[in-house]
Amino acid sequence: MPKPSLDTILEEVTAAAVDLIPRVDTAGILLLERGGKFRSIATTSELPHQLDILQVTFQEGPCVQAALADTVVRTDDFRLETRWPQYSPAVVEIGVLSGLSFKLYTAERTAGALNLFGFEPTAWDSSAETVGSILAAHAAAAIVATQTQSQLNAALLSRDRIGQAKGIIMERFNVDAVRAFNMMRQLSQESNVKLTDIAQRVIDSGE
């Protein structure tokens, strides 16, 4: 049986949040990446994506705060919320009055949050925070596993490229493996080009 994809796992997490936590009407995951980029994924409706756009635009809000700083960010009533003076009124105007955001412990390059929203003011209890934290941990583990696999695949590909290029240099210049590798490394340092890129050039040109 094939392993479920990351998208499938995260969609199951947000759907479970709506099913398991009372007064959660919609949910989604916000990922903040290097360069100010963001991604809204696994949303149970279009609404979380709209809220993410507002937060990135205003550079404030519970999802951003949870992704970058706090572990759990709770708002019982956005009409009374003063931490985000631009975001809170905009959320109320859309019709969202309460929210819970949970930090996703992912990787250095990516910060994320599981975000839950309600259409009514809600006094979120410890049970809601516990279930949300468990779901957030599950989502984060899935993201980290995918990132680790991608890094492993990239490392294997780089190793194969370097090995192939090293073989070409050994044959072309009649040198051993150590000398061939040192030649590529020296060229990489002198030209300030990554070793894997030097290897790819050797493969492409045969020189």
N, C-alpha and C. Protein backbone atom coordinates (compact mmCIF):
# COMPACT_ATOMS: atom_id res chain seq x y z
N MET A 1 0.85 -1.19 0.00
CA MET A 1 0.00 0.00 0.00
C MET A 1 0.89 1.24 0.00
N PRO A 2 0.72 2.18 -0.96
CA PRO A 2 1.58 3.36 -1.03
C PRO A 2 1.38 4.28 0.16
N LYS A 3 2.48 4.96 0.55
CA LYS A 3 2.39 5.90 1.65
C LYS A 3 1.59 7.13 1.21
N PRO A 4 0.78 7.68 2.10
CA PRO A 4 0.02 8.89 1.74
C PRO A 4 0.97 10.06 1.49
N SER A 5 0.58 10.94 0.57
CA SER A 5 1.40 12.10 0.27
C SER A 5 1.33 13.12 1.41
N LEU A 6 2.25 14.08 1.38
CA LEU A 6 2.24 15.14 2.39
C LEU A 6 0.93 15.91 2.34
N ASP A 7 0.47 16.24 1.14
CA ASP A 7 -0.79 16.99 1.00
C ASP A 7 -1.94 16.24 1.65
N THR A 8 -1.99 14.93 1.43
CA THR A 8 -3.06 14.11 2.00
C THR A 8 -3.01 14.13 3.52
N ILE A 9 -1.82 13.97 4.08
CA ILE A 9 -1.67 13.97 5.54
C ILE A 9 -2.12 15.30 6.13
N LEU A 10 -1.70 16.40 5.52
CA LEU A 10 -2.04 17.71 6.05
C LEU A 10 -3.53 18.00 5.90
N GLU A 11 -4.13 17.55 4.81
CA GLU A 11 -5.58 17.71 4.65
C GLU A 11 -6.34 16.91 5.70
N GLU A 12 -5.82 15.74 6.05
CA GLU A 12 -6.44 14.94 7.11
C GLU A 12 -6.32 15.65 8.46
N VAL A 13 -5.20 16.32 8.69
CA VAL A 13 -4.98 17.05 9.96
C VAL A 13 -6.00 18.17 10.10
N THR A 14 -6.15 18.99 9.07
CA THR A 14 -7.08 20.13 9.17
C THR A 14 -8.53 19.66 9.25
N ALA A 15 -8.85 18.59 8.50
CA ALA A 15 -10.21 18.05 8.58
C ALA A 15 -10.49 17.51 9.98
N ALA A 16 -9.50 16.87 10.58
CA ALA A 16 -9.66 16.33 11.94
C ALA A 16 -9.85 17.45 12.94
N ALA A 17 -9.16 18.56 12.75
CA ALA A 17 -9.32 19.69 13.66
C ALA A 17 -10.75 20.21 13.66
N VAL A 18 -11.35 20.30 12.48
CA VAL A 18 -12.75 20.75 12.38
C VAL A 18 -13.68 19.73 13.03
N ASP A 19 -13.38 18.45 12.86
CA ASP A 19 -14.25 17.39 13.38
C ASP A 19 -14.13 17.21 14.89
N LEU A 20 -12.90 17.35 15.40
CA LEU A 20 -12.63 16.97 16.79
C LEU A 20 -12.72 18.11 17.79
N ILE A 21 -12.51 19.34 17.33
CA ILE A 21 -12.49 20.46 18.27
C ILE A 21 -13.78 21.27 18.12
N PRO A 22 -14.58 21.35 19.17
CA PRO A 22 -15.84 22.09 19.09
C PRO A 22 -15.63 23.56 18.72
N ARG A 23 -16.53 24.06 17.87
CA ARG A 23 -16.60 25.46 17.46
C ARG A 23 -15.47 25.88 16.52
N VAL A 24 -14.73 24.90 15.98
CA VAL A 24 -13.79 25.19 14.89
C VAL A 24 -14.57 25.03 13.58
N ASP A 25 -14.71 26.12 12.84
CA ASP A 25 -15.50 26.10 11.61
C ASP A 25 -14.65 25.93 10.35
N THR A 26 -13.39 26.31 10.42
CA THR A 26 -12.52 26.15 9.26
C THR A 26 -11.08 26.11 9.75
N ALA A 27 -10.22 25.50 8.94
CA ALA A 27 -8.83 25.32 9.37
C ALA A 27 -7.91 25.31 8.16
N GLY A 28 -6.64 25.60 8.41
CA GLY A 28 -5.64 25.57 7.34
C GLY A 28 -4.25 25.60 7.93
N ILE A 29 -3.26 25.48 7.07
CA ILE A 29 -1.86 25.53 7.48
C ILE A 29 -1.16 26.63 6.69
N LEU A 30 -0.41 27.46 7.40
CA LEU A 30 0.37 28.53 6.79
C LEU A 30 1.85 28.19 6.91
N LEU A 31 2.56 28.19 5.79
CA LEU A 31 3.99 28.00 5.79
C LEU A 31 4.66 29.29 5.34
N LEU A 32 5.59 29.77 6.14
CA LEU A 32 6.37 30.96 5.80
C LEU A 32 7.77 30.51 5.43
N GLU A 33 8.22 30.91 4.24
CA GLU A 33 9.51 30.46 3.74
C GLU A 33 10.46 31.63 3.56
N ARG A 34 11.70 31.33 3.23
CA ARG A 34 12.70 32.37 3.04
C ARG A 34 12.30 33.28 1.88
N GLY A 35 12.68 34.53 2.02
CA GLY A 35 12.36 35.49 0.98
C GLY A 35 10.98 36.08 1.11
N GLY A 36 10.33 35.84 2.26
CA GLY A 36 9.00 36.41 2.48
C GLY A 36 7.88 35.66 1.79
N LYS A 37 8.18 34.51 1.21
CA LYS A 37 7.14 33.75 0.53
C LYS A 37 6.28 33.02 1.55
N PHE A 38 5.01 32.80 1.19
CA PHE A 38 4.15 32.02 2.07
C PHE A 38 3.27 31.10 1.24
N ARG A 39 2.84 30.04 1.90
CA ARG A 39 1.95 29.10 1.23
C ARG A 39 0.81 28.75 2.18
N SER A 40 -0.41 28.83 1.68
CA SER A 40 -1.57 28.33 2.40
C SER A 40 -1.88 26.94 1.85
N ILE A 41 -1.87 25.95 2.72
CA ILE A 41 -2.11 24.58 2.26
C ILE A 41 -3.13 23.89 3.15
N ALA A 42 -3.71 22.83 2.61
CA ALA A 42 -4.63 21.96 3.36
C ALA A 42 -5.78 22.73 4.00
N THR A 43 -6.27 23.78 3.35
CA THR A 43 -7.38 24.56 3.91
C THR A 43 -8.69 23.81 3.72
N THR A 44 -9.55 23.87 4.72
CA THR A 44 -10.84 23.19 4.61
C THR A 44 -11.87 24.05 3.89
N SER A 45 -11.52 25.31 3.64
CA SER A 45 -12.35 26.21 2.83
C SER A 45 -11.42 27.29 2.28
N GLU A 46 -11.95 28.20 1.51
CA GLU A 46 -11.13 29.28 0.96
C GLU A 46 -10.78 30.32 2.03
N LEU A 47 -11.51 30.33 3.12
CA LEU A 47 -11.35 31.38 4.13
C LEU A 47 -9.96 31.45 4.75
N PRO A 48 -9.37 30.33 5.18
CA PRO A 48 -8.02 30.44 5.78
C PRO A 48 -7.00 31.06 4.83
N HIS A 49 -7.12 30.78 3.54
CA HIS A 49 -6.21 31.38 2.57
C HIS A 49 -6.39 32.90 2.55
N GLN A 50 -7.62 33.37 2.60
CA GLN A 50 -7.89 34.81 2.63
C GLN A 50 -7.29 35.45 3.88
N LEU A 51 -7.42 34.76 5.00
CA LEU A 51 -6.86 35.27 6.26
C LEU A 51 -5.33 35.29 6.22
N ASP A 52 -4.73 34.28 5.59
CA ASP A 52 -3.28 34.27 5.46
C ASP A 52 -2.79 35.44 4.63
N ILE A 53 -3.51 35.76 3.56
CA ILE A 53 -3.13 36.90 2.72
C ILE A 53 -3.16 38.19 3.55
N LEU A 54 -4.19 38.35 4.36
CA LEU A 54 -4.29 39.53 5.23
C LEU A 54 -3.10 39.61 6.18
N GLN A 55 -2.73 38.48 6.77
CA GLN A 55 -1.65 38.49 7.74
C GLN A 55 -0.30 38.82 7.09
N VAL A 56 -0.07 38.24 5.93
CA VAL A 56 1.19 38.52 5.24
C VAL A 56 1.21 39.98 4.77
N THR A 57 0.06 40.49 4.35
CA THR A 57 -0.03 41.88 3.92
C THR A 57 0.24 42.84 5.07
N PHE A 58 -0.38 42.55 6.22
CA PHE A 58 -0.22 43.43 7.39
C PHE A 58 1.03 43.10 8.20
N GLN A 59 1.62 41.92 7.94
CA GLN A 59 2.76 41.45 8.73
C GLN A 59 2.41 41.36 10.22
N GLU A 60 1.19 40.91 10.48
CA GLU A 60 0.76 40.71 11.86
C GLU A 60 -0.41 39.73 11.86
N GLY A 61 -0.63 39.11 13.02
CA GLY A 61 -1.74 38.18 13.15
C GLY A 61 -1.32 36.91 13.87
N PRO A 62 -2.27 36.10 14.31
CA PRO A 62 -1.97 34.93 15.13
C PRO A 62 -1.18 33.85 14.39
N CYS A 63 -1.47 33.65 13.11
CA CYS A 63 -0.80 32.59 12.35
C CYS A 63 0.67 32.92 12.17
N VAL A 64 0.96 34.17 11.81
CA VAL A 64 2.34 34.62 11.66
C VAL A 64 3.06 34.55 13.00
N GLN A 65 2.39 34.99 14.05
CA GLN A 65 3.01 34.98 15.38
C GLN A 65 3.31 33.56 15.83
N ALA A 66 2.38 32.63 15.56
CA ALA A 66 2.61 31.23 15.94
C ALA A 66 3.72 30.62 15.09
N ALA A 67 3.75 30.96 13.80
CA ALA A 67 4.76 30.40 12.91
C ALA A 67 6.16 30.84 13.30
N LEU A 68 6.29 32.10 13.75
CA LEU A 68 7.61 32.67 13.99
C LEU A 68 8.00 32.73 15.46
N ALA A 69 7.03 32.73 16.36
CA ALA A 69 7.38 32.98 17.75
C ALA A 69 6.68 32.03 18.72
N ASP A 70 5.46 32.33 19.07
CA ASP A 70 4.78 31.62 20.15
C ASP A 70 4.36 30.21 19.73
N THR A 71 4.24 29.34 20.73
CA THR A 71 3.84 27.96 20.48
C THR A 71 2.34 27.87 20.21
N VAL A 72 1.55 28.55 21.03
CA VAL A 72 0.10 28.57 20.86
C VAL A 72 -0.37 30.03 20.95
N VAL A 73 -1.16 30.45 19.99
CA VAL A 73 -1.72 31.80 20.00
C VAL A 73 -3.25 31.67 19.99
N ARG A 74 -3.87 32.23 21.01
CA ARG A 74 -5.31 32.04 21.21
C ARG A 74 -6.03 33.37 21.20
N THR A 75 -7.15 33.42 20.49
CA THR A 75 -8.02 34.59 20.49
C THR A 75 -9.46 34.13 20.71
N ASP A 76 -10.05 34.55 21.81
CA ASP A 76 -11.43 34.18 22.10
C ASP A 76 -12.42 35.06 21.36
N ASP A 77 -12.02 36.31 21.11
CA ASP A 77 -12.94 37.23 20.42
C ASP A 77 -12.10 38.31 19.72
N PHE A 78 -12.06 38.24 18.38
CA PHE A 78 -11.27 39.21 17.63
C PHE A 78 -11.80 40.64 17.78
N ARG A 79 -13.06 40.79 18.18
CA ARG A 79 -13.59 42.14 18.39
C ARG A 79 -12.92 42.84 19.56
N LEU A 80 -12.35 42.04 20.47
CA LEU A 80 -11.69 42.58 21.65
C LEU A 80 -10.17 42.47 21.56
N GLU A 81 -9.68 41.93 20.45
CA GLU A 81 -8.25 41.66 20.30
C GLU A 81 -7.48 42.94 19.94
N THR A 82 -6.43 43.25 20.73
CA THR A 82 -5.66 44.48 20.52
C THR A 82 -4.23 44.22 20.03
N ARG A 83 -3.82 42.96 19.94
CA ARG A 83 -2.44 42.67 19.54
C ARG A 83 -2.17 42.97 18.07
N TRP A 84 -3.22 42.91 17.25
CA TRP A 84 -3.04 43.08 15.80
C TRP A 84 -4.04 44.12 15.31
N PRO A 85 -3.71 45.40 15.42
CA PRO A 85 -4.67 46.49 15.18
C PRO A 85 -5.20 46.56 13.75
N GLN A 86 -4.44 46.06 12.77
CA GLN A 86 -4.95 46.06 11.40
C GLN A 86 -5.68 44.77 11.07
N TYR A 87 -5.10 43.67 11.51
CA TYR A 87 -5.65 42.36 11.16
C TYR A 87 -6.99 42.07 11.82
N SER A 88 -7.10 42.34 13.10
CA SER A 88 -8.30 41.96 13.85
C SER A 88 -9.59 42.56 13.28
N PRO A 89 -9.65 43.88 13.00
CA PRO A 89 -10.88 44.42 12.42
C PRO A 89 -11.22 43.81 11.06
N ALA A 90 -10.17 43.51 10.27
CA ALA A 90 -10.40 42.92 8.95
C ALA A 90 -11.00 41.53 9.08
N VAL A 91 -10.54 40.78 10.08
CA VAL A 91 -11.06 39.43 10.32
C VAL A 91 -12.52 39.48 10.74
N VAL A 92 -12.83 40.40 11.64
CA VAL A 92 -14.21 40.55 12.11
C VAL A 92 -15.13 40.90 10.95
N GLU A 93 -14.66 41.75 10.06
CA GLU A 93 -15.46 42.14 8.91
C GLU A 93 -15.78 40.95 8.01
N ILE A 94 -14.83 40.02 7.92
CA ILE A 94 -15.04 38.81 7.12
C ILE A 94 -16.03 37.86 7.80
N GLY A 95 -16.10 37.93 9.13
CA GLY A 95 -17.03 37.07 9.84
C GLY A 95 -16.39 36.06 10.76
N VAL A 96 -15.08 36.18 10.98
CA VAL A 96 -14.36 35.29 11.90
C VAL A 96 -14.18 36.00 13.23
N LEU A 97 -14.57 35.33 14.31
CA LEU A 97 -14.52 35.98 15.62
C LEU A 97 -13.56 35.32 16.61
N SER A 98 -13.11 34.11 16.33
CA SER A 98 -12.20 33.44 17.28
C SER A 98 -11.20 32.59 16.52
N GLY A 99 -10.08 32.27 17.19
CA GLY A 99 -9.06 31.49 16.52
C GLY A 99 -8.04 30.89 17.45
N LEU A 100 -7.46 29.79 16.99
CA LEU A 100 -6.35 29.13 17.69
C LEU A 100 -5.27 28.82 16.66
N SER A 101 -4.04 29.18 16.95
CA SER A 101 -2.93 28.89 16.05
C SER A 101 -1.84 28.14 16.81
N PHE A 102 -1.28 27.12 16.16
CA PHE A 102 -0.27 26.27 16.79
C PHE A 102 1.00 26.25 15.94
N LYS A 103 2.13 26.50 16.57
CA LYS A 103 3.40 26.51 15.86
C LYS A 103 3.72 25.12 15.35
N LEU A 104 4.21 25.04 14.10
CA LEU A 104 4.70 23.79 13.55
C LEU A 104 6.23 23.82 13.62
N TYR A 105 6.81 22.89 14.35
CA TYR A 105 8.27 22.83 14.42
C TYR A 105 8.76 22.09 13.18
N THR A 106 9.21 22.86 12.19
CA THR A 106 9.57 22.24 10.91
C THR A 106 11.08 22.30 10.69
N ALA A 107 11.58 23.34 10.03
CA ALA A 107 13.00 23.41 9.72
C ALA A 107 13.45 24.86 9.76
N GLU A 108 14.76 25.07 9.66
CA GLU A 108 15.30 26.42 9.77
C GLU A 108 14.76 27.33 8.67
N ARG A 109 14.56 26.78 7.48
CA ARG A 109 14.16 27.60 6.35
C ARG A 109 12.65 27.83 6.29
N THR A 110 11.92 27.07 7.05
CA THR A 110 10.47 27.14 6.96
C THR A 110 9.86 27.24 8.35
N ALA A 111 8.94 28.16 8.53
CA ALA A 111 8.16 28.26 9.75
C ALA A 111 6.71 28.03 9.38
N GLY A 112 5.96 27.45 10.28
CA GLY A 112 4.58 27.16 9.93
C GLY A 112 3.66 27.17 11.13
N ALA A 113 2.36 27.20 10.84
CA ALA A 113 1.36 27.17 11.89
C ALA A 113 0.11 26.45 11.40
N LEU A 114 -0.49 25.69 12.31
CA LEU A 114 -1.82 25.12 12.10
C LEU A 114 -2.81 26.13 12.66
N ASN A 115 -3.74 26.56 11.83
CA ASN A 115 -4.63 27.66 12.21
C ASN A 115 -6.09 27.23 12.18
N LEU A 116 -6.79 27.47 13.29
CA LEU A 116 -8.19 27.09 13.45
C LEU A 116 -9.01 28.35 13.71
N PHE A 117 -10.16 28.44 13.06
CA PHE A 117 -10.99 29.65 13.19
C PHE A 117 -12.44 29.29 13.45
N GLY A 118 -13.11 30.17 14.21
CA GLY A 118 -14.53 30.00 14.50
C GLY A 118 -15.32 31.24 14.13
N PHE A 119 -16.57 31.04 13.76
CA PHE A 119 -17.44 32.15 13.38
C PHE A 119 -18.11 32.80 14.58
N GLU A 120 -17.93 32.19 15.75
CA GLU A 120 -18.50 32.73 16.99
C GLU A 120 -17.39 32.97 18.00
N PRO A 121 -17.57 33.92 18.92
CA PRO A 121 -16.59 34.06 20.00
C PRO A 121 -16.56 32.78 20.82
N THR A 122 -15.37 32.35 21.19
CA THR A 122 -15.22 31.06 21.85
C THR A 122 -14.21 31.15 22.97
N ALA A 123 -14.57 30.65 24.14
CA ALA A 123 -13.62 30.54 25.23
C ALA A 123 -12.91 29.20 25.08
N TRP A 124 -11.82 29.20 24.31
CA TRP A 124 -11.11 27.95 24.03
C TRP A 124 -10.61 27.33 25.34
N ASP A 125 -10.87 26.05 25.54
CA ASP A 125 -10.44 25.40 26.79
C ASP A 125 -9.16 24.60 26.55
N SER A 126 -8.65 24.00 27.63
CA SER A 126 -7.39 23.26 27.55
C SER A 126 -7.50 22.03 26.65
N SER A 127 -8.70 21.45 26.57
CA SER A 127 -8.90 20.30 25.70
C SER A 127 -8.68 20.67 24.23
N ALA A 128 -9.21 21.83 23.84
CA ALA A 128 -9.02 22.30 22.46
C ALA A 128 -7.54 22.52 22.17
N GLU A 129 -6.82 23.10 23.13
CA GLU A 129 -5.39 23.34 22.93
C GLU A 129 -4.61 22.04 22.87
N THR A 130 -5.01 21.05 23.68
CA THR A 130 -4.31 19.76 23.68
C THR A 130 -4.48 19.04 22.35
N VAL A 131 -5.72 18.95 21.87
CA VAL A 131 -5.98 18.28 20.60
C VAL A 131 -5.28 19.01 19.46
N GLY A 132 -5.35 20.33 19.47
CA GLY A 132 -4.69 21.12 18.44
C GLY A 132 -3.18 20.91 18.44
N SER A 133 -2.59 20.83 19.62
CA SER A 133 -1.14 20.63 19.72
C SER A 133 -0.73 19.26 19.18
N ILE A 134 -1.55 18.24 19.44
CA ILE A 134 -1.26 16.90 18.93
C ILE A 134 -1.34 16.89 17.40
N LEU A 135 -2.37 17.52 16.86
CA LEU A 135 -2.52 17.58 15.40
C LEU A 135 -1.37 18.38 14.76
N ALA A 136 -0.97 19.46 15.41
CA ALA A 136 0.14 20.27 14.90
C ALA A 136 1.44 19.47 14.89
N ALA A 137 1.66 18.67 15.93
CA ALA A 137 2.87 17.84 15.99
C ALA A 137 2.86 16.82 14.86
N HIS A 138 1.70 16.25 14.57
CA HIS A 138 1.57 15.28 13.48
C HIS A 138 1.87 15.94 12.14
N ALA A 139 1.34 17.14 11.94
CA ALA A 139 1.58 17.87 10.69
C ALA A 139 3.06 18.21 10.55
N ALA A 140 3.68 18.69 11.62
CA ALA A 140 5.09 19.06 11.57
C ALA A 140 5.97 17.86 11.26
N ALA A 141 5.65 16.71 11.87
CA ALA A 141 6.43 15.50 11.62
C ALA A 141 6.37 15.11 10.14
N ALA A 142 5.20 15.25 9.55
CA ALA A 142 5.04 14.91 8.13
C ALA A 142 5.86 15.85 7.25
N ILE A 143 5.84 17.15 7.58
CA ILE A 143 6.60 18.14 6.81
C ILE A 143 8.10 17.87 6.92
N VAL A 144 8.58 17.61 8.13
CA VAL A 144 10.01 17.36 8.35
C VAL A 144 10.44 16.10 7.61
N ALA A 145 9.61 15.06 7.65
CA ALA A 145 9.95 13.82 6.96
C ALA A 145 10.09 14.04 5.47
N THR A 146 9.20 14.85 4.90
CA THR A 146 9.26 15.15 3.47
C THR A 146 10.50 15.95 3.14
N GLN A 147 10.83 16.94 3.98
CA GLN A 147 12.03 17.75 3.76
C GLN A 147 13.28 16.90 3.85
N THR A 148 13.31 15.98 4.82
CA THR A 148 14.48 15.11 4.99
C THR A 148 14.67 14.22 3.77
N GLN A 149 13.57 13.67 3.26
CA GLN A 149 13.64 12.81 2.09
C GLN A 149 14.14 13.60 0.87
N SER A 150 13.65 14.83 0.72
CA SER A 150 14.08 15.67 -0.40
C SER A 150 15.58 15.96 -0.31
N GLN A 151 16.05 16.24 0.91
CA GLN A 151 17.47 16.51 1.10
C GLN A 151 18.30 15.27 0.79
N LEU A 152 17.80 14.09 1.20
CA LEU A 152 18.50 12.84 0.93
C LEU A 152 18.58 12.58 -0.57
N ASN A 153 17.47 12.79 -1.26
CA ASN A 153 17.45 12.59 -2.71
C ASN A 153 18.43 13.52 -3.40
N ALA A 154 18.48 14.78 -2.94
CA ALA A 154 19.41 15.75 -3.53
C ALA A 154 20.86 15.34 -3.28
N ALA A 155 21.13 14.83 -2.08
CA ALA A 155 22.49 14.40 -1.75
C ALA A 155 22.91 13.21 -2.61
N LEU A 156 22.00 12.27 -2.80
CA LEU A 156 22.31 11.10 -3.63
C LEU A 156 22.55 11.51 -5.07
N LEU A 157 21.73 12.45 -5.57
CA LEU A 157 21.91 12.93 -6.93
C LEU A 157 23.25 13.63 -7.09
N SER A 158 23.64 14.44 -6.10
CA SER A 158 24.92 15.13 -6.15
C SER A 158 26.07 14.13 -6.15
N ARG A 159 25.95 13.11 -5.32
CA ARG A 159 27.01 12.10 -5.25
C ARG A 159 27.16 11.38 -6.60
N ASP A 160 26.03 11.06 -7.23
CA ASP A 160 26.08 10.37 -8.52
C ASP A 160 26.71 11.26 -9.59
N ARG A 161 26.38 12.55 -9.59
CA ARG A 161 26.95 13.48 -10.56
C ARG A 161 28.46 13.57 -10.39
N ILE A 162 28.90 13.74 -9.14
CA ILE A 162 30.33 13.87 -8.87
C ILE A 162 31.06 12.60 -9.27
N GLY A 163 30.47 11.45 -8.96
CA GLY A 163 31.09 10.18 -9.33
C GLY A 163 31.22 10.01 -10.83
N GLN A 164 30.17 10.41 -11.56
CA GLN A 164 30.20 10.29 -13.01
C GLN A 164 31.25 11.23 -13.61
N ALA A 165 31.29 12.47 -13.11
CA ALA A 165 32.27 13.44 -13.61
C ALA A 165 33.69 12.98 -13.27
N LYS A 166 33.86 12.42 -12.10
CA LYS A 166 35.18 11.94 -11.68
C LYS A 166 35.67 10.85 -12.63
N GLY A 167 34.75 9.98 -13.03
CA GLY A 167 35.10 8.91 -13.97
C GLY A 167 35.55 9.47 -15.31
N ILE A 168 34.86 10.52 -15.78
CA ILE A 168 35.23 11.14 -17.06
C ILE A 168 36.63 11.73 -16.98
N ILE A 169 36.92 12.43 -15.88
CA ILE A 169 38.24 13.06 -15.71
C ILE A 169 39.33 12.00 -15.59
N MET A 170 39.07 10.91 -14.87
CA MET A 170 40.05 9.82 -14.72
C MET A 170 40.43 9.25 -16.08
N GLU A 171 39.40 9.06 -16.91
CA GLU A 171 39.66 8.49 -18.24
C GLU A 171 40.36 9.50 -19.14
N ARG A 172 39.92 10.74 -19.10
CA ARG A 172 40.44 11.77 -20.01
C ARG A 172 41.91 12.10 -19.69
N PHE A 173 42.24 12.21 -18.39
CA PHE A 173 43.58 12.67 -18.00
C PHE A 173 44.45 11.55 -17.42
N ASN A 174 43.90 10.35 -17.40
CA ASN A 174 44.65 9.19 -16.90
C ASN A 174 45.17 9.42 -15.48
N VAL A 175 44.24 9.84 -14.60
CA VAL A 175 44.58 10.07 -13.19
C VAL A 175 43.71 9.16 -12.32
N ASP A 176 44.10 9.03 -11.04
CA ASP A 176 43.30 8.20 -10.15
C ASP A 176 42.12 9.00 -9.60
N ALA A 177 41.27 8.33 -8.80
CA ALA A 177 40.04 8.94 -8.30
C ALA A 177 40.31 10.15 -7.41
N VAL A 178 41.34 10.03 -6.55
CA VAL A 178 41.66 11.13 -5.64
C VAL A 178 42.09 12.36 -6.42
N ARG A 179 42.97 12.16 -7.41
CA ARG A 179 43.45 13.28 -8.22
C ARG A 179 42.29 13.90 -9.01
N ALA A 180 41.42 13.08 -9.55
CA ALA A 180 40.28 13.59 -10.32
C ALA A 180 39.37 14.45 -9.45
N PHE A 181 39.12 13.99 -8.23
CA PHE A 181 38.27 14.75 -7.32
C PHE A 181 38.94 16.06 -6.94
N ASN A 182 40.24 16.02 -6.67
CA ASN A 182 40.96 17.24 -6.29
C ASN A 182 40.97 18.25 -7.42
N MET A 183 41.04 17.78 -8.66
CA MET A 183 40.99 18.68 -9.81
C MET A 183 39.66 19.42 -9.86
N MET A 184 38.56 18.69 -9.64
CA MET A 184 37.24 19.32 -9.64
C MET A 184 37.09 20.29 -8.47
N ARG A 185 37.59 19.88 -7.32
CA ARG A 185 37.48 20.74 -6.14
C ARG A 185 38.26 22.03 -6.33
N GLN A 186 39.47 21.93 -6.92
CA GLN A 186 40.28 23.11 -7.17
C GLN A 186 39.59 24.05 -8.16
N LEU A 187 39.02 23.49 -9.21
CA LEU A 187 38.30 24.29 -10.18
C LEU A 187 37.09 24.96 -9.54
N SER A 188 36.43 24.24 -8.65
CA SER A 188 35.27 24.79 -7.94
C SER A 188 35.67 25.99 -7.10
N GLN A 189 36.79 25.87 -6.39
CA GLN A 189 37.25 26.96 -5.53
C GLN A 189 37.71 28.16 -6.34
N GLU A 190 38.43 27.91 -7.42
CA GLU A 190 38.98 29.00 -8.21
C GLU A 190 37.89 29.77 -8.96
N SER A 191 36.85 29.05 -9.37
CA SER A 191 35.78 29.70 -10.14
C SER A 191 34.59 30.10 -9.28
N ASN A 192 34.65 29.72 -7.97
CA ASN A 192 33.56 30.02 -7.04
C ASN A 192 32.23 29.46 -7.55
N VAL A 193 32.31 28.23 -8.03
CA VAL A 193 31.14 27.51 -8.52
C VAL A 193 30.99 26.24 -7.71
N LYS A 194 29.76 25.88 -7.35
CA LYS A 194 29.53 24.68 -6.55
C LYS A 194 30.13 23.45 -7.23
N LEU A 195 30.61 22.54 -6.40
CA LEU A 195 31.23 21.32 -6.92
C LEU A 195 30.25 20.52 -7.77
N THR A 196 28.99 20.46 -7.35
CA THR A 196 28.01 19.70 -8.14
C THR A 196 27.77 20.35 -9.50
N ASP A 197 27.87 21.68 -9.56
CA ASP A 197 27.71 22.36 -10.85
C ASP A 197 28.91 22.11 -11.76
N ILE A 198 30.12 22.08 -11.16
CA ILE A 198 31.31 21.73 -11.94
C ILE A 198 31.16 20.32 -12.50
N ALA A 199 30.69 19.41 -11.65
CA ALA A 199 30.50 18.02 -12.10
C ALA A 199 29.53 17.95 -13.25
N GLN A 200 28.42 18.71 -13.16
CA GLN A 200 27.43 18.68 -14.22
C GLN A 200 28.00 19.22 -15.53
N ARG A 201 28.85 20.23 -15.44
CA ARG A 201 29.51 20.79 -16.64
C ARG A 201 30.40 19.75 -17.29
N VAL A 202 31.13 19.03 -16.46
CA VAL A 202 32.01 17.97 -16.99
C VAL A 202 31.17 16.90 -17.70
N ILE A 203 30.06 16.51 -17.09
CA ILE A 203 29.18 15.51 -17.68
C ILE A 203 28.61 16.01 -19.00
N ASP A 204 28.15 17.26 -19.01
CA ASP A 204 27.51 17.81 -20.20
C ASP A 204 28.49 17.95 -21.36
N SER A 205 29.73 18.36 -21.04
CA SER A 205 30.70 18.65 -22.10
C SER A 205 31.63 17.49 -22.39
N GLY A 206 31.79 16.62 -21.40
CA GLY A 206 32.75 15.53 -21.55
C GLY A 206 34.17 16.00 -21.48
N GLU A 207 34.38 17.22 -20.99
CA GLU A 207 35.73 17.79 -20.91
C GLU A 207 36.07 18.11 -19.47
